[in-house]
Amino acid sequence: MQFAAGFSTRLTMIVIGGIVVAASPPAHQEKRGPTRVRVLAVQIGDATYYSSRFEGRKTASGRIFDGNEPVAAHRTYRFGTVVRVTNVENRRSVNLVIVDRGPYSKSRREGPIIDLSPSAAKQIGIIKKGRARVKLEVLVWGNGDVDDSDLAAVKSASH
């Protein structure tokens, strides 16, 4: 009888312990992938990148161009628009803010749809080729202005 009582007590403790463990939150939170962002518009075309001669010059939005910043030029998207640019060949992507107009070429129909800063071009692997097929996804429409908070938001979303 004493054996049965001891066994029953141990079994009860094991069951209670299992319930406590199952009901308690995990010691570390499960890492989840990046949250899905709603894509507002998509465009497919070629991307090029700014020449070093634009470094330090004023962009169409009034911002001084810095090739180390995650910025780009687009012909029609409002300034401050945040886009994800994905190289369709290697699937590498970067988030950018539109701060300038362009790119301009002789044939607008066949020309590139976006001009990237050199640092952004490097991130998606188009520096050697100079041009690549990309998918643009608008993540946030800009209001026509560009300020430092736009760039800070893009930098934090990219890391």
C-alpha atoms as a PDB file:
ATOM      1  CA  MET A   1       0.000   0.000   0.000  1.00  0.00           C
ATOM      2  CA  GLN A   2       2.839   2.307   0.839  1.00  0.00           C
ATOM      3  CA  PHE A   3       4.367   1.563  -2.610  1.00  0.00           C
ATOM      4  CA  ALA A   4       1.098   2.426  -4.388  1.00  0.00           C
ATOM      5  CA  ALA A   5       0.738   5.693  -2.463  1.00  0.00           C
ATOM      6  CA  GLY A   6       4.319   6.712  -3.286  1.00  0.00           C
ATOM      7  CA  PHE A   7       3.888   5.762  -6.939  1.00  0.00           C
ATOM      8  CA  SER A   8       0.594   7.658  -7.146  1.00  0.00           C
ATOM      9  CA  THR A   9       2.179  10.773  -5.628  1.00  0.00           C
ATOM     10  CA  ARG A  10       5.079  10.646  -8.090  1.00  0.00           C
ATOM     11  CA  LEU A  11       2.737  10.134 -11.023  1.00  0.00           C
ATOM     12  CA  THR A  12       0.587  13.071  -9.916  1.00  0.00           C
ATOM     13  CA  MET A  13       3.692  15.293  -9.660  1.00  0.00           C
ATOM     14  CA  ILE A  14       4.801  14.299 -13.160  1.00  0.00           C
ATOM     15  CA  VAL A  15       1.365  15.072 -14.604  1.00  0.00           C
ATOM     16  CA  ILE A  16       1.192  18.424 -12.813  1.00  0.00           C
ATOM     17  CA  GLY A  17       4.724  19.256 -13.981  1.00  0.00           C
ATOM     18  CA  GLY A  18       3.758  18.431 -17.573  1.00  0.00           C
ATOM     19  CA  ILE A  19       0.722  20.676 -17.375  1.00  0.00           C
ATOM     20  CA  VAL A  20       2.790  23.552 -15.952  1.00  0.00           C
ATOM     21  CA  VAL A  21       5.406  23.190 -18.685  1.00  0.00           C
ATOM     22  CA  ALA A  22       2.783  23.002 -21.420  1.00  0.00           C
ATOM     23  CA  ALA A  23       0.942  26.059 -20.103  1.00  0.00           C
ATOM     24  CA  SER A  24       3.993  28.285 -19.547  1.00  0.00           C
ATOM     25  CA  PRO A  25       5.363  30.498 -22.329  1.00  0.00           C
ATOM     26  CA  PRO A  26       8.564  29.366 -24.046  1.00  0.00           C
ATOM     27  CA  ALA A  27      11.831  30.567 -22.523  1.00  0.00           C
ATOM     28  CA  HIS A  28      12.776  32.176 -25.834  1.00  0.00           C
ATOM     29  CA  GLN A  29      10.451  33.519 -28.473  1.00  0.00           C
ATOM     30  CA  GLU A  30      10.398  31.745 -31.786  1.00  0.00           C
ATOM     31  CA  LYS A  31      12.128  33.746 -34.491  1.00  0.00           C
ATOM     32  CA  ARG A  32       9.808  34.463 -37.337  1.00  0.00           C
ATOM     33  CA  GLY A  33      10.659  35.572 -40.823  1.00  0.00           C
ATOM     34  CA  PRO A  34      10.065  39.122 -41.937  1.00  0.00           C
ATOM     35  CA  THR A  35       6.467  40.171 -41.859  1.00  0.00           C
ATOM     36  CA  ARG A  36       4.816  40.444 -45.226  1.00  0.00           C
ATOM     37  CA  VAL A  37       4.449  43.982 -46.445  1.00  0.00           C
ATOM     38  CA  ARG A  38       1.554  44.857 -48.680  1.00  0.00           C
ATOM     39  CA  VAL A  39       2.814  45.657 -52.172  1.00  0.00           C
ATOM     40  CA  LEU A  40       0.990  48.633 -53.703  1.00  0.00           C
ATOM     41  CA  ALA A  41       2.327  48.442 -57.265  1.00  0.00           C
ATOM     42  CA  VAL A  42       4.727  46.288 -59.291  1.00  0.00           C
ATOM     43  CA  GLN A  43       6.869  47.199 -62.277  1.00  0.00           C
ATOM     44  CA  ILE A  44       9.330  45.031 -64.221  1.00  0.00           C
ATOM     45  CA  GLY A  45      12.191  46.500 -66.225  1.00  0.00           C
ATOM     46  CA  ASP A  46      15.886  47.248 -66.246  1.00  0.00           C
ATOM     47  CA  ALA A  47      17.868  49.042 -63.568  1.00  0.00           C
ATOM     48  CA  THR A  48      21.075  50.983 -63.916  1.00  0.00           C
ATOM     49  CA  TYR A  49      23.023  52.948 -61.350  1.00  0.00           C
ATOM     50  CA  TYR A  50      24.262  56.496 -60.920  1.00  0.00           C
ATOM     51  CA  SER A  51      27.636  57.523 -62.222  1.00  0.00           C
ATOM     52  CA  SER A  52      30.116  58.791 -59.638  1.00  0.00           C
ATOM     53  CA  ARG A  53      29.915  62.244 -61.274  1.00  0.00           C
ATOM     54  CA  PHE A  54      26.545  62.795 -59.523  1.00  0.00           C
ATOM     55  CA  GLU A  55      28.093  62.482 -56.048  1.00  0.00           C
ATOM     56  CA  GLY A  56      27.441  65.656 -54.044  1.00  0.00           C
ATOM     57  CA  ARG A  57      25.063  67.158 -56.607  1.00  0.00           C
ATOM     58  CA  LYS A  58      21.532  68.230 -55.830  1.00  0.00           C
ATOM     59  CA  THR A  59      18.777  65.779 -56.838  1.00  0.00           C
ATOM     60  CA  ALA A  60      15.390  66.816 -58.254  1.00  0.00           C
ATOM     61  CA  SER A  61      13.920  66.566 -54.741  1.00  0.00           C
ATOM     62  CA  GLY A  62      16.527  69.009 -53.433  1.00  0.00           C
ATOM     63  CA  ARG A  63      18.465  66.376 -51.495  1.00  0.00           C
ATOM     64  CA  ILE A  64      22.240  66.192 -52.036  1.00  0.00           C
ATOM     65  CA  PHE A  65      23.075  62.865 -53.699  1.00  0.00           C
ATOM     66  CA  ASP A  66      25.117  60.454 -51.579  1.00  0.00           C
ATOM     67  CA  GLY A  67      25.966  57.189 -53.339  1.00  0.00           C
ATOM     68  CA  ASN A  68      26.178  55.396 -49.990  1.00  0.00           C
ATOM     69  CA  GLU A  69      22.505  56.066 -49.196  1.00  0.00           C
ATOM     70  CA  PRO A  70      19.644  53.703 -50.203  1.00  0.00           C
ATOM     71  CA  VAL A  71      18.175  56.057 -52.816  1.00  0.00           C
ATOM     72  CA  ALA A  72      17.053  55.914 -56.437  1.00  0.00           C
ATOM     73  CA  ALA A  73      15.643  57.869 -59.350  1.00  0.00           C
ATOM     74  CA  HIS A  74      12.335  57.033 -61.044  1.00  0.00           C
ATOM     75  CA  ARG A  75      10.563  58.924 -63.824  1.00  0.00           C
ATOM     76  CA  THR A  76       7.112  59.100 -62.240  1.00  0.00           C
ATOM     77  CA  TYR A  77       6.982  57.853 -58.621  1.00  0.00           C
ATOM     78  CA  ARG A  78       6.560  60.649 -56.066  1.00  0.00           C
ATOM     79  CA  PHE A  79       9.553  61.628 -53.964  1.00  0.00           C
ATOM     80  CA  GLY A  80       9.640  59.736 -50.689  1.00  0.00           C
ATOM     81  CA  THR A  81       8.135  56.581 -52.230  1.00  0.00           C
ATOM     82  CA  VAL A  82       9.723  53.463 -50.747  1.00  0.00           C
ATOM     83  CA  VAL A  83      10.368  50.646 -53.224  1.00  0.00           C
ATOM     84  CA  ARG A  84      11.851  47.177 -52.986  1.00  0.00           C
ATOM     85  CA  VAL A  85      14.092  46.468 -55.979  1.00  0.00           C
ATOM     86  CA  THR A  86      14.799  42.792 -56.656  1.00  0.00           C
ATOM     87  CA  ASN A  87      17.341  41.548 -59.173  1.00  0.00           C
ATOM     88  CA  VAL A  88      15.349  38.826 -60.976  1.00  0.00           C
ATOM     89  CA  GLU A  89      18.518  36.903 -61.869  1.00  0.00           C
ATOM     90  CA  ASN A  90      19.931  36.406 -58.362  1.00  0.00           C
ATOM     91  CA  ARG A  91      16.855  37.284 -56.203  1.00  0.00           C
ATOM     92  CA  ARG A  92      18.816  39.817 -54.139  1.00  0.00           C
ATOM     93  CA  SER A  93      16.802  42.846 -53.106  1.00  0.00           C
ATOM     94  CA  VAL A  94      17.159  46.256 -51.482  1.00  0.00           C
ATOM     95  CA  ASN A  95      14.675  48.825 -50.174  1.00  0.00           C
ATOM     96  CA  LEU A  96      15.141  52.374 -51.478  1.00  0.00           C
ATOM     97  CA  VAL A  97      13.607  55.845 -51.341  1.00  0.00           C
ATOM     98  CA  ILE A  98      12.875  57.739 -54.561  1.00  0.00           C
ATOM     99  CA  VAL A  99      14.706  61.085 -54.380  1.00  0.00           C
ATOM    100  CA  ASP A 100      15.357  61.956 -58.018  1.00  0.00           C
ATOM    101  CA  ARG A 101      13.952  61.879 -61.547  1.00  0.00           C
ATOM    102  CA  GLY A 102      15.274  59.595 -64.246  1.00  0.00           C
ATOM    103  CA  PRO A 103      16.758  57.570 -65.677  1.00  0.00           C
ATOM    104  CA  TYR A 104      16.566  59.247 -69.042  1.00  0.00           C
ATOM    105  CA  SER A 105      17.649  57.513 -72.205  1.00  0.00           C
ATOM    106  CA  LYS A 106      17.036  57.928 -75.903  1.00  0.00           C
ATOM    107  CA  SER A 107      14.243  55.364 -75.868  1.00  0.00           C
ATOM    108  CA  ARG A 108      12.020  55.675 -72.798  1.00  0.00           C
ATOM    109  CA  ARG A 109      10.103  52.521 -73.748  1.00  0.00           C
ATOM    110  CA  GLU A 110      13.189  50.332 -73.816  1.00  0.00           C
ATOM    111  CA  GLY A 111      15.349  52.252 -71.362  1.00  0.00           C
ATOM    112  CA  PRO A 112      15.862  51.472 -67.695  1.00  0.00           C
ATOM    113  CA  ILE A 113      12.999  52.142 -65.285  1.00  0.00           C
ATOM    114  CA  ILE A 114      15.104  53.018 -62.237  1.00  0.00           C
ATOM    115  CA  ASP A 115      18.554  54.387 -61.429  1.00  0.00           C
ATOM    116  CA  LEU A 116      20.038  53.072 -58.182  1.00  0.00           C
ATOM    117  CA  SER A 117      22.657  54.563 -55.915  1.00  0.00           C
ATOM    118  CA  PRO A 118      25.974  52.690 -56.251  1.00  0.00           C
ATOM    119  CA  SER A 119      25.621  51.118 -52.775  1.00  0.00           C
ATOM    120  CA  ALA A 120      22.165  49.767 -53.686  1.00  0.00           C
ATOM    121  CA  ALA A 121      23.453  48.475 -57.035  1.00  0.00           C
ATOM    122  CA  LYS A 122      26.239  46.677 -55.193  1.00  0.00           C
ATOM    123  CA  GLN A 123      23.743  45.085 -52.768  1.00  0.00           C
ATOM    124  CA  ILE A 124      21.753  43.506 -55.583  1.00  0.00           C
ATOM    125  CA  GLY A 125      24.819  42.590 -57.634  1.00  0.00           C
ATOM    126  CA  ILE A 126      24.676  44.768 -60.747  1.00  0.00           C
ATOM    127  CA  ILE A 127      27.915  46.732 -60.439  1.00  0.00           C
ATOM    128  CA  LYS A 128      29.905  44.542 -62.856  1.00  0.00           C
ATOM    129  CA  LYS A 129      27.186  44.289 -65.510  1.00  0.00           C
ATOM    130  CA  GLY A 130      25.990  47.877 -65.124  1.00  0.00           C
ATOM    131  CA  ARG A 131      22.413  46.907 -65.872  1.00  0.00           C
ATOM    132  CA  ALA A 132      20.026  44.182 -64.732  1.00  0.00           C
ATOM    133  CA  ARG A 133      16.409  43.080 -65.021  1.00  0.00           C
ATOM    134  CA  VAL A 134      14.574  44.007 -61.812  1.00  0.00           C
ATOM    135  CA  LYS A 135      11.177  43.908 -60.179  1.00  0.00           C
ATOM    136  CA  LEU A 136      10.098  47.106 -58.424  1.00  0.00           C
ATOM    137  CA  GLU A 137       7.545  46.780 -55.642  1.00  0.00           C
ATOM    138  CA  VAL A 138       6.089  49.938 -54.133  1.00  0.00           C
ATOM    139  CA  LEU A 139       5.894  49.483 -50.352  1.00  0.00           C
ATOM    140  CA  VAL A 140       4.896  53.033 -49.346  1.00  0.00           C
ATOM    141  CA  TRP A 141       3.729  55.867 -51.571  1.00  0.00           C
ATOM    142  CA  GLY A 142       5.623  59.087 -50.930  1.00  0.00           C
ATOM    143  CA  ASN A 143       4.026  62.459 -50.397  1.00  0.00           C
ATOM    144  CA  GLY A 144       6.407  64.306 -52.700  1.00  0.00           C
ATOM    145  CA  ASP A 145       8.872  65.298 -49.976  1.00  0.00           C
ATOM    146  CA  VAL A 146      12.039  63.565 -48.843  1.00  0.00           C
ATOM    147  CA  ASP A 147      13.499  63.906 -45.372  1.00  0.00           C
ATOM    148  CA  ASP A 148      15.901  61.987 -43.190  1.00  0.00           C
ATOM    149  CA  SER A 149      13.105  59.942 -41.600  1.00  0.00           C
ATOM    150  CA  ASP A 150      12.396  58.313 -44.984  1.00  0.00           C
ATOM    151  CA  LEU A 151      15.999  57.143 -45.248  1.00  0.00           C
ATOM    152  CA  ALA A 152      16.114  56.021 -41.609  1.00  0.00           C
ATOM    153  CA  ALA A 153      12.970  53.933 -42.114  1.00  0.00           C
ATOM    154  CA  VAL A 154      14.440  52.270 -45.205  1.00  0.00           C
ATOM    155  CA  LYS A 155      17.726  51.529 -43.465  1.00  0.00           C
ATOM    156  CA  SER A 156      16.005  49.926 -40.480  1.00  0.00           C
ATOM    157  CA  ALA A 157      13.726  47.843 -42.737  1.00  0.00           C
ATOM    158  CA  SER A 158      16.696  46.608 -44.753  1.00  0.00           C
ATOM    159  CA  HIS A 159      18.613  45.133 -41.791  1.00  0.00           C
END
